[in-house]
Amino acid sequence: IDRLNKNCFDQVKLGAQDLSKVWKMQQNHLSKRYTTRLNEL
């Protein structure tokens, strides 16, 4: 699971977790993750 999550951006989770959300923090002014996400280059 750790190896898959490292390569697939934490997409393997337990059934008790929300697959579509990460941390659920309020981040109304978040910039892109330019260096770690291909879709945010």
ModelCIF file with pLDDT and N, C-alpha, C, O atoms, coordinates in Angstrom:
data_MODEL
#
_entry.id   MODEL 
#
_entity.id                         1 
_entity.type                       polymer 
_entity.pdbx_number_of_molecules   1 
#
_entity_poly.entity_id                      1 
_entity_poly.type                           'polypeptide(L)' 
_entity_poly.nstd_linkage                   no 
_entity_poly.nstd_monomer                   no 
_entity_poly.pdbx_seq_one_letter_code       IDRLNKNCFDQVKLGAQDLSKVWKMQQNHLSKRYTTRLNEL 
_entity_poly.pdbx_seq_one_letter_code_can   IDRLNKNCFDQVKLGAQDLSKVWKMQQNHLSKRYTTRLNEL 
_entity_poly.pdbx_strand_id                 A 
#
loop_
_entity_poly_seq.entity_id 
_entity_poly_seq.num 
_entity_poly_seq.mon_id 
_entity_poly_seq.hetero 
1 1  ILE n 
1 2  ASP n 
1 3  ARG n 
1 4  LEU n 
1 5  ASN n 
1 6  LYS n 
1 7  ASN n 
1 8  CYS n 
1 9  PHE n 
1 10 ASP n 
1 11 GLN n 
1 12 VAL n 
1 13 LYS n 
1 14 LEU n 
1 15 GLY n 
1 16 ALA n 
1 17 GLN n 
1 18 ASP n 
1 19 LEU n 
1 20 SER n 
1 21 LYS n 
1 22 VAL n 
1 23 TRP n 
1 24 LYS n 
1 25 MET n 
1 26 GLN n 
1 27 GLN n 
1 28 ASN n 
1 29 HIS n 
1 30 LEU n 
1 31 SER n 
1 32 LYS n 
1 33 ARG n 
1 34 TYR n 
1 35 THR n 
1 36 THR n 
1 37 ARG n 
1 38 LEU n 
1 39 ASN n 
1 40 GLU n 
1 41 LEU n 
#
_struct_asym.id          A 
_struct_asym.entity_id   1 
#
loop_
_ma_qa_metric.id 
_ma_qa_metric.mode 
_ma_qa_metric.name 
_ma_qa_metric.software_group_id 
_ma_qa_metric.type 
1 global pLDDT . pLDDT 
2 local  pLDDT . pLDDT 
#
_ma_qa_metric_global.metric_id      1 
_ma_qa_metric_global.metric_value   72.27 
_ma_qa_metric_global.model_id       1 
_ma_qa_metric_global.ordinal_id     1 
#
loop_
_ma_qa_metric_local.label_asym_id 
_ma_qa_metric_local.label_comp_id 
_ma_qa_metric_local.label_seq_id 
_ma_qa_metric_local.metric_id 
_ma_qa_metric_local.metric_value 
_ma_qa_metric_local.model_id 
_ma_qa_metric_local.ordinal_id 
A ILE 1  2 78.00 1 1  
A ASP 2  2 80.00 1 2  
A ARG 3  2 84.00 1 3  
A LEU 4  2 80.00 1 4  
A ASN 5  2 76.00 1 5  
A LYS 6  2 76.00 1 6  
A ASN 7  2 71.00 1 7  
A CYS 8  2 67.00 1 8  
A PHE 9  2 61.00 1 9  
A ASP 10 2 65.00 1 10 
A GLN 11 2 69.00 1 11 
A VAL 12 2 69.00 1 12 
A LYS 13 2 70.00 1 13 
A LEU 14 2 72.00 1 14 
A GLY 15 2 67.00 1 15 
A ALA 16 2 65.00 1 16 
A GLN 17 2 64.00 1 17 
A ASP 18 2 62.00 1 18 
A LEU 19 2 58.00 1 19 
A SER 20 2 57.00 1 20 
A LYS 21 2 57.00 1 21 
A VAL 22 2 52.00 1 22 
A TRP 23 2 51.00 1 23 
A LYS 24 2 53.00 1 24 
A MET 25 2 61.00 1 25 
A GLN 26 2 69.00 1 26 
A GLN 27 2 75.00 1 27 
A ASN 28 2 80.00 1 28 
A HIS 29 2 86.00 1 29 
A LEU 30 2 85.00 1 30 
A SER 31 2 86.00 1 31 
A LYS 32 2 87.00 1 32 
A ARG 33 2 83.00 1 33 
A TYR 34 2 85.00 1 34 
A THR 35 2 85.00 1 35 
A THR 36 2 80.00 1 36 
A ARG 37 2 77.00 1 37 
A LEU 38 2 76.00 1 38 
A ASN 39 2 80.00 1 39 
A GLU 40 2 82.00 1 40 
A LEU 41 2 82.00 1 41 
#
loop_
_atom_site.group_PDB 
_atom_site.id 
_atom_site.type_symbol 
_atom_site.label_atom_id 
_atom_site.label_alt_id 
_atom_site.label_comp_id 
_atom_site.label_asym_id 
_atom_site.label_entity_id 
_atom_site.label_seq_id 
_atom_site.pdbx_PDB_ins_code 
_atom_site.Cartn_x 
_atom_site.Cartn_y 
_atom_site.Cartn_z 
_atom_site.occupancy 
_atom_site.B_iso_or_equiv 
_atom_site.pdbx_formal_charge 
_atom_site.auth_seq_id 
_atom_site.auth_comp_id 
_atom_site.auth_asym_id 
_atom_site.auth_atom_id 
_atom_site.pdbx_PDB_model_num 
ATOM 1   N N  . ILE A 1 1  ? 0.837   -1.209 0.000   1.00 78.00 ? 1  ILE A N  1 
ATOM 2   C CA . ILE A 1 1  ? 0.000   0.000  0.000   1.00 78.00 ? 1  ILE A CA 1 
ATOM 3   C C  . ILE A 1 1  ? 0.870   1.257  0.000   1.00 78.00 ? 1  ILE A C  1 
ATOM 4   O O  . ILE A 1 1  ? 0.584   2.207  -0.728  1.00 78.00 ? 1  ILE A O  1 
ATOM 5   N N  . ASP A 1 2  ? 1.937   1.266  0.818   1.00 80.00 ? 2  ASP A N  1 
ATOM 6   C CA . ASP A 1 2  ? 2.829   2.432  0.867   1.00 80.00 ? 2  ASP A CA 1 
ATOM 7   C C  . ASP A 1 2  ? 3.473   2.681  -0.489  1.00 80.00 ? 2  ASP A C  1 
ATOM 8   O O  . ASP A 1 2  ? 3.598   3.824  -0.930  1.00 80.00 ? 2  ASP A O  1 
ATOM 9   N N  . ARG A 1 3  ? 3.874   1.612  -1.137  1.00 84.00 ? 3  ARG A N  1 
ATOM 10  C CA . ARG A 1 3  ? 4.515   1.748  -2.454  1.00 84.00 ? 3  ARG A CA 1 
ATOM 11  C C  . ARG A 1 3  ? 3.515   2.275  -3.490  1.00 84.00 ? 3  ARG A C  1 
ATOM 12  O O  . ARG A 1 3  ? 3.853   3.136  -4.302  1.00 84.00 ? 3  ARG A O  1 
ATOM 13  N N  . LEU A 1 4  ? 2.299   1.758  -3.457  1.00 80.00 ? 4  LEU A N  1 
ATOM 14  C CA . LEU A 1 4  ? 1.270   2.226  -4.389  1.00 80.00 ? 4  LEU A CA 1 
ATOM 15  C C  . LEU A 1 4  ? 0.914   3.692  -4.134  1.00 80.00 ? 4  LEU A C  1 
ATOM 16  O O  . LEU A 1 4  ? 0.768   4.472  -5.075  1.00 80.00 ? 4  LEU A O  1 
ATOM 17  N N  . ASN A 1 5  ? 0.779   4.058  -2.874  1.00 76.00 ? 5  ASN A N  1 
ATOM 18  C CA . ASN A 1 5  ? 0.419   5.441  -2.548  1.00 76.00 ? 5  ASN A CA 1 
ATOM 19  C C  . ASN A 1 5  ? 1.519   6.426  -2.916  1.00 76.00 ? 5  ASN A C  1 
ATOM 20  O O  . ASN A 1 5  ? 1.244   7.577  -3.256  1.00 76.00 ? 5  ASN A O  1 
ATOM 21  N N  . LYS A 1 6  ? 2.746   5.976  -2.848  1.00 76.00 ? 6  LYS A N  1 
ATOM 22  C CA . LYS A 1 6  ? 3.862   6.847  -3.231  1.00 76.00 ? 6  LYS A CA 1 
ATOM 23  C C  . LYS A 1 6  ? 3.816   7.159  -4.720  1.00 76.00 ? 6  LYS A C  1 
ATOM 24  O O  . LYS A 1 6  ? 4.169   8.258  -5.149  1.00 76.00 ? 6  LYS A O  1 
ATOM 25  N N  . ASN A 1 7  ? 3.383   6.189  -5.494  1.00 71.00 ? 7  ASN A N  1 
ATOM 26  C CA . ASN A 1 7  ? 3.343   6.366  -6.947  1.00 71.00 ? 7  ASN A CA 1 
ATOM 27  C C  . ASN A 1 7  ? 1.987   6.852  -7.463  1.00 71.00 ? 7  ASN A C  1 
ATOM 28  O O  . ASN A 1 7  ? 1.887   7.352  -8.583  1.00 71.00 ? 7  ASN A O  1 
ATOM 29  N N  . CYS A 1 8  ? 0.945   6.702  -6.638  1.00 67.00 ? 8  CYS A N  1 
ATOM 30  C CA . CYS A 1 8  ? -0.411  7.033  -7.104  1.00 67.00 ? 8  CYS A CA 1 
ATOM 31  C C  . CYS A 1 8  ? -1.069  8.131  -6.274  1.00 67.00 ? 8  CYS A C  1 
ATOM 32  O O  . CYS A 1 8  ? -2.291  8.278  -6.290  1.00 67.00 ? 8  CYS A O  1 
ATOM 33  N N  . PHE A 1 9  ? -0.260  8.899  -5.551  1.00 61.00 ? 9  PHE A N  1 
ATOM 34  C CA . PHE A 1 9  ? -0.759  10.070 -4.817  1.00 61.00 ? 9  PHE A CA 1 
ATOM 35  C C  . PHE A 1 9  ? -1.844  9.711  -3.802  1.00 61.00 ? 9  PHE A C  1 
ATOM 36  O O  . PHE A 1 9  ? -2.919  10.310 -3.795  1.00 61.00 ? 9  PHE A O  1 
ATOM 37  N N  . ASP A 1 10 ? -1.554  8.731  -2.948  1.00 65.00 ? 10 ASP A N  1 
ATOM 38  C CA . ASP A 1 10 ? -2.417  8.391  -1.810  1.00 65.00 ? 10 ASP A CA 1 
ATOM 39  C C  . ASP A 1 10 ? -3.839  8.020  -2.223  1.00 65.00 ? 10 ASP A C  1 
ATOM 40  O O  . ASP A 1 10 ? -4.811  8.496  -1.636  1.00 65.00 ? 10 ASP A O  1 
ATOM 41  N N  . GLN A 1 11 ? -3.946  7.186  -3.215  1.00 69.00 ? 11 GLN A N  1 
ATOM 42  C CA . GLN A 1 11 ? -5.278  6.777  -3.683  1.00 69.00 ? 11 GLN A CA 1 
ATOM 43  C C  . GLN A 1 11 ? -5.749  5.464  -3.070  1.00 69.00 ? 11 GLN A C  1 
ATOM 44  O O  . GLN A 1 11 ? -6.918  5.110  -3.219  1.00 69.00 ? 11 GLN A O  1 
ATOM 45  N N  . VAL A 1 12 ? -4.865  4.727  -2.381  1.00 69.00 ? 12 VAL A N  1 
ATOM 46  C CA . VAL A 1 12 ? -5.255  3.471  -1.738  1.00 69.00 ? 12 VAL A CA 1 
ATOM 47  C C  . VAL A 1 12 ? -5.550  3.763  -0.270  1.00 69.00 ? 12 VAL A C  1 
ATOM 48  O O  . VAL A 1 12 ? -4.653  4.128  0.490   1.00 69.00 ? 12 VAL A O  1 
ATOM 49  N N  . LYS A 1 13 ? -6.804  3.600  0.119   1.00 70.00 ? 13 LYS A N  1 
ATOM 50  C CA . LYS A 1 13 ? -7.225  3.944  1.476   1.00 70.00 ? 13 LYS A CA 1 
ATOM 51  C C  . LYS A 1 13 ? -8.110  2.853  2.050   1.00 70.00 ? 13 LYS A C  1 
ATOM 52  O O  . LYS A 1 13 ? -8.545  1.945  1.341   1.00 70.00 ? 13 LYS A O  1 
ATOM 53  N N  . LEU A 1 14 ? -8.371  2.956  3.354   1.00 72.00 ? 14 LEU A N  1 
ATOM 54  C CA . LEU A 1 14 ? -9.296  2.039  4.001   1.00 72.00 ? 14 LEU A CA 1 
ATOM 55  C C  . LEU A 1 14 ? -10.729 2.419  3.646   1.00 72.00 ? 14 LEU A C  1 
ATOM 56  O O  . LEU A 1 14 ? -11.004 3.551  3.247   1.00 72.00 ? 14 LEU A O  1 
ATOM 57  N N  . GLY A 1 15 ? -11.627 1.469  3.795   1.00 67.00 ? 15 GLY A N  1 
ATOM 58  C CA . GLY A 1 15 ? -13.021 1.729  3.485   1.00 67.00 ? 15 GLY A CA 1 
ATOM 59  C C  . GLY A 1 15 ? -13.622 2.811  4.365   1.00 67.00 ? 15 GLY A C  1 
ATOM 60  O O  . GLY A 1 15 ? -14.578 3.471  3.959   1.00 67.00 ? 15 GLY A O  1 
ATOM 61  N N  . ALA A 1 16 ? -13.081 3.006  5.564   1.00 65.00 ? 16 ALA A N  1 
ATOM 62  C CA . ALA A 1 16 ? -13.617 4.017  6.483   1.00 65.00 ? 16 ALA A CA 1 
ATOM 63  C C  . ALA A 1 16 ? -13.222 5.428  6.088   1.00 65.00 ? 16 ALA A C  1 
ATOM 64  O O  . ALA A 1 16 ? -13.757 6.391  6.636   1.00 65.00 ? 16 ALA A O  1 
ATOM 65  N N  . GLN A 1 17 ? -12.280 5.572  5.133   1.00 64.00 ? 17 GLN A N  1 
ATOM 66  C CA . GLN A 1 17 ? -11.822 6.891  4.728   1.00 64.00 ? 17 GLN A CA 1 
ATOM 67  C C  . GLN A 1 17 ? -12.595 7.398  3.513   1.00 64.00 ? 17 GLN A C  1 
ATOM 68  O O  . GLN A 1 17 ? -13.210 6.630  2.773   1.00 64.00 ? 17 GLN A O  1 
ATOM 69  N N  . ASP A 1 18 ? -12.541 8.702  3.338   1.00 62.00 ? 18 ASP A N  1 
ATOM 70  C CA . ASP A 1 18 ? -13.181 9.347  2.191   1.00 62.00 ? 18 ASP A CA 1 
ATOM 71  C C  . ASP A 1 18 ? -12.177 9.376  1.047   1.00 62.00 ? 18 ASP A C  1 
ATOM 72  O O  . ASP A 1 18 ? -11.147 10.043 1.141   1.00 62.00 ? 18 ASP A O  1 
ATOM 73  N N  . LEU A 1 19 ? -12.469 8.662  -0.024  1.00 58.00 ? 19 LEU A N  1 
ATOM 74  C CA . LEU A 1 19 ? -11.536 8.550  -1.139  1.00 58.00 ? 19 LEU A CA 1 
ATOM 75  C C  . LEU A 1 19 ? -11.354 9.858  -1.901  1.00 58.00 ? 19 LEU A C  1 
ATOM 76  O O  . LEU A 1 19 ? -10.332 10.056 -2.557  1.00 58.00 ? 19 LEU A O  1 
ATOM 77  N N  . SER A 1 20 ? -12.320 10.733 -1.820  1.00 57.00 ? 20 SER A N  1 
ATOM 78  C CA . SER A 1 20 ? -12.280 11.942 -2.646  1.00 57.00 ? 20 SER A CA 1 
ATOM 79  C C  . SER A 1 20 ? -11.675 13.141 -1.942  1.00 57.00 ? 20 SER A C  1 
ATOM 80  O O  . SER A 1 20 ? -11.485 14.191 -2.555  1.00 57.00 ? 20 SER A O  1 
ATOM 81  N N  . LYS A 1 21 ? -11.367 12.995 -0.647  1.00 57.00 ? 21 LYS A N  1 
ATOM 82  C CA . LYS A 1 21 ? -10.874 14.162 0.083   1.00 57.00 ? 21 LYS A CA 1 
ATOM 83  C C  . LYS A 1 21 ? -9.610  13.833 0.853   1.00 57.00 ? 21 LYS A C  1 
ATOM 84  O O  . LYS A 1 21 ? -9.415  12.712 1.324   1.00 57.00 ? 21 LYS A O  1 
ATOM 85  N N  . VAL A 1 22 ? -8.751  14.850 0.970   1.00 52.00 ? 22 VAL A N  1 
ATOM 86  C CA . VAL A 1 22 ? -7.504  14.715 1.708   1.00 52.00 ? 22 VAL A CA 1 
ATOM 87  C C  . VAL A 1 22 ? -7.477  15.777 2.797   1.00 52.00 ? 22 VAL A C  1 
ATOM 88  O O  . VAL A 1 22 ? -7.474  16.974 2.509   1.00 52.00 ? 22 VAL A O  1 
ATOM 89  N N  . TRP A 1 23 ? -7.457  15.334 4.041   1.00 51.00 ? 23 TRP A N  1 
ATOM 90  C CA . TRP A 1 23 ? -7.358  16.201 5.218   1.00 51.00 ? 23 TRP A CA 1 
ATOM 91  C C  . TRP A 1 23 ? -8.585  17.089 5.442   1.00 51.00 ? 23 TRP A C  1 
ATOM 92  O O  . TRP A 1 23 ? -8.889  17.442 6.582   1.00 51.00 ? 23 TRP A O  1 
ATOM 93  N N  . LYS A 1 24 ? -9.287  17.450 4.371   1.00 53.00 ? 24 LYS A N  1 
ATOM 94  C CA . LYS A 1 24 ? -10.483 18.280 4.514   1.00 53.00 ? 24 LYS A CA 1 
ATOM 95  C C  . LYS A 1 24 ? -10.189 19.594 5.241   1.00 53.00 ? 24 LYS A C  1 
ATOM 96  O O  . LYS A 1 24 ? -11.045 20.088 5.975   1.00 53.00 ? 24 LYS A O  1 
ATOM 97  N N  . MET A 1 25 ? -9.028  20.154 5.058   1.00 61.00 ? 25 MET A N  1 
ATOM 98  C CA . MET A 1 25 ? -8.718  21.439 5.670   1.00 61.00 ? 25 MET A CA 1 
ATOM 99  C C  . MET A 1 25 ? -9.365  22.563 4.879   1.00 61.00 ? 25 MET A C  1 
ATOM 100 O O  . MET A 1 25 ? -9.604  22.441 3.678   1.00 61.00 ? 25 MET A O  1 
ATOM 101 N N  . GLN A 1 26 ? -9.642  23.656 5.570   1.00 69.00 ? 26 GLN A N  1 
ATOM 102 C CA . GLN A 1 26 ? -10.102 24.858 4.893   1.00 69.00 ? 26 GLN A CA 1 
ATOM 103 C C  . GLN A 1 26 ? -8.885  25.506 4.248   1.00 69.00 ? 26 GLN A C  1 
ATOM 104 O O  . GLN A 1 26 ? -7.990  25.984 4.946   1.00 69.00 ? 26 GLN A O  1 
ATOM 105 N N  . GLN A 1 27 ? -8.848  25.524 2.931   1.00 75.00 ? 27 GLN A N  1 
ATOM 106 C CA . GLN A 1 27 ? -7.714  26.086 2.189   1.00 75.00 ? 27 GLN A CA 1 
ATOM 107 C C  . GLN A 1 27 ? -8.263  26.904 1.020   1.00 75.00 ? 27 GLN A C  1 
ATOM 108 O O  . GLN A 1 27 ? -8.194  26.492 -0.138  1.00 75.00 ? 27 GLN A O  1 
ATOM 109 N N  . ASN A 1 28 ? -8.799  28.052 1.351   1.00 80.00 ? 28 ASN A N  1 
ATOM 110 C CA . ASN A 1 28 ? -9.451  28.888 0.347   1.00 80.00 ? 28 ASN A CA 1 
ATOM 111 C C  . ASN A 1 28 ? -8.466  29.642 -0.540  1.00 80.00 ? 28 ASN A C  1 
ATOM 112 O O  . ASN A 1 28 ? -8.859  30.225 -1.551  1.00 80.00 ? 28 ASN A O  1 
ATOM 113 N N  . HIS A 1 29 ? -7.183  29.633 -0.165  1.00 86.00 ? 29 HIS A N  1 
ATOM 114 C CA . HIS A 1 29 ? -6.186  30.403 -0.922  1.00 86.00 ? 29 HIS A CA 1 
ATOM 115 C C  . HIS A 1 29 ? -5.021  29.508 -1.351  1.00 86.00 ? 29 HIS A C  1 
ATOM 116 O O  . HIS A 1 29 ? -3.880  29.963 -1.426  1.00 86.00 ? 29 HIS A O  1 
ATOM 117 N N  . LEU A 1 30 ? -5.311  28.238 -1.631  1.00 85.00 ? 30 LEU A N  1 
ATOM 118 C CA . LEU A 1 30 ? -4.253  27.276 -1.920  1.00 85.00 ? 30 LEU A CA 1 
ATOM 119 C C  . LEU A 1 30 ? -3.724  27.420 -3.345  1.00 85.00 ? 30 LEU A C  1 
ATOM 120 O O  . LEU A 1 30 ? -4.492  27.451 -4.307  1.00 85.00 ? 30 LEU A O  1 
ATOM 121 N N  . SER A 1 31 ? -2.400  27.507 -3.462  1.00 86.00 ? 31 SER A N  1 
ATOM 122 C CA . SER A 1 31 ? -1.767  27.533 -4.781  1.00 86.00 ? 31 SER A CA 1 
ATOM 123 C C  . SER A 1 31 ? -1.585  26.104 -5.279  1.00 86.00 ? 31 SER A C  1 
ATOM 124 O O  . SER A 1 31 ? -1.862  25.151 -4.550  1.00 86.00 ? 31 SER A O  1 
ATOM 125 N N  . LYS A 1 32 ? -1.128  25.952 -6.496  1.00 87.00 ? 32 LYS A N  1 
ATOM 126 C CA . LYS A 1 32 ? -0.942  24.623 -7.076  1.00 87.00 ? 32 LYS A CA 1 
ATOM 127 C C  . LYS A 1 32 ? 0.297   23.936 -6.509  1.00 87.00 ? 32 LYS A C  1 
ATOM 128 O O  . LYS A 1 32 ? 1.230   24.592 -6.046  1.00 87.00 ? 32 LYS A O  1 
ATOM 129 N N  . ARG A 1 33 ? 0.289   22.615 -6.552  1.00 83.00 ? 33 ARG A N  1 
ATOM 130 C CA . ARG A 1 33 ? 1.444   21.813 -6.130  1.00 83.00 ? 33 ARG A CA 1 
ATOM 131 C C  . ARG A 1 33 ? 2.308   21.562 -7.372  1.00 83.00 ? 33 ARG A C  1 
ATOM 132 O O  . ARG A 1 33 ? 2.358   20.456 -7.910  1.00 83.00 ? 33 ARG A O  1 
ATOM 133 N N  . TYR A 1 34 ? 2.974   22.617 -7.797  1.00 85.00 ? 34 TYR A N  1 
ATOM 134 C CA . TYR A 1 34 ? 3.643   22.623 -9.102  1.00 85.00 ? 34 TYR A CA 1 
ATOM 135 C C  . TYR A 1 34 ? 4.670   21.509 -9.280  1.00 85.00 ? 34 TYR A C  1 
ATOM 136 O O  . TYR A 1 34 ? 4.858   21.019 -10.394 1.00 85.00 ? 34 TYR A O  1 
ATOM 137 N N  . THR A 1 35 ? 5.329   21.108 -8.215  1.00 85.00 ? 35 THR A N  1 
ATOM 138 C CA . THR A 1 35 ? 6.469   20.193 -8.347  1.00 85.00 ? 35 THR A CA 1 
ATOM 139 C C  . THR A 1 35 ? 6.143   18.743 -8.025  1.00 85.00 ? 35 THR A C  1 
ATOM 140 O O  . THR A 1 35 ? 6.990   17.868 -8.206  1.00 85.00 ? 35 THR A O  1 
ATOM 141 N N  . THR A 1 36 ? 4.926   18.469 -7.551  1.00 80.00 ? 36 THR A N  1 
ATOM 142 C CA . THR A 1 36 ? 4.617   17.100 -7.136  1.00 80.00 ? 36 THR A CA 1 
ATOM 143 C C  . THR A 1 36 ? 3.364   16.525 -7.788  1.00 80.00 ? 36 THR A C  1 
ATOM 144 O O  . THR A 1 36 ? 3.021   15.372 -7.528  1.00 80.00 ? 36 THR A O  1 
ATOM 145 N N  . ARG A 1 37 ? 2.676   17.287 -8.621  1.00 77.00 ? 37 ARG A N  1 
ATOM 146 C CA . ARG A 1 37 ? 1.466   16.800 -9.286  1.00 77.00 ? 37 ARG A CA 1 
ATOM 147 C C  . ARG A 1 37 ? 1.543   17.117 -10.774 1.00 77.00 ? 37 ARG A C  1 
ATOM 148 O O  . ARG A 1 37 ? 1.671   18.277 -11.165 1.00 77.00 ? 37 ARG A O  1 
ATOM 149 N N  . LEU A 1 38 ? 1.465   16.078 -11.600 1.00 76.00 ? 38 LEU A N  1 
ATOM 150 C CA . LEU A 1 38 ? 1.559   16.278 -13.042 1.00 76.00 ? 38 LEU A CA 1 
ATOM 151 C C  . LEU A 1 38 ? 0.411   17.134 -13.572 1.00 76.00 ? 38 LEU A C  1 
ATOM 152 O O  . LEU A 1 38 ? 0.592   17.907 -14.512 1.00 76.00 ? 38 LEU A O  1 
ATOM 153 N N  . ASN A 1 39 ? -0.760  16.995 -12.972 1.00 80.00 ? 39 ASN A N  1 
ATOM 154 C CA . ASN A 1 39 ? -1.908  17.764 -13.449 1.00 80.00 ? 39 ASN A CA 1 
ATOM 155 C C  . ASN A 1 39 ? -1.932  19.193 -12.923 1.00 80.00 ? 39 ASN A C  1 
ATOM 156 O O  . ASN A 1 39 ? -2.867  19.945 -13.200 1.00 80.00 ? 39 ASN A O  1 
ATOM 157 N N  . GLU A 1 40 ? -0.891  19.575 -12.154 1.00 82.00 ? 40 GLU A N  1 
ATOM 158 C CA . GLU A 1 40 ? -0.816  20.940 -11.648 1.00 82.00 ? 40 GLU A CA 1 
ATOM 159 C C  . GLU A 1 40 ? 0.487   21.623 -12.070 1.00 82.00 ? 40 GLU A C  1 
ATOM 160 O O  . GLU A 1 40 ? 0.934   22.578 -11.434 1.00 82.00 ? 40 GLU A O  1 
ATOM 161 N N  . LEU A 1 41 ? 1.082   21.124 -13.141 1.00 82.00 ? 41 LEU A N  1 
ATOM 162 C CA . LEU A 1 41 ? 2.305   21.745 -13.655 1.00 82.00 ? 41 LEU A CA 1 
ATOM 163 C C  . LEU A 1 41 ? 2.040   23.184 -14.062 1.00 82.00 ? 41 LEU A C  1 
ATOM 164 O O  . LEU A 1 41 ? 2.951   23.874 -14.520 1.00 82.00 ? 41 LEU A O  1 
#
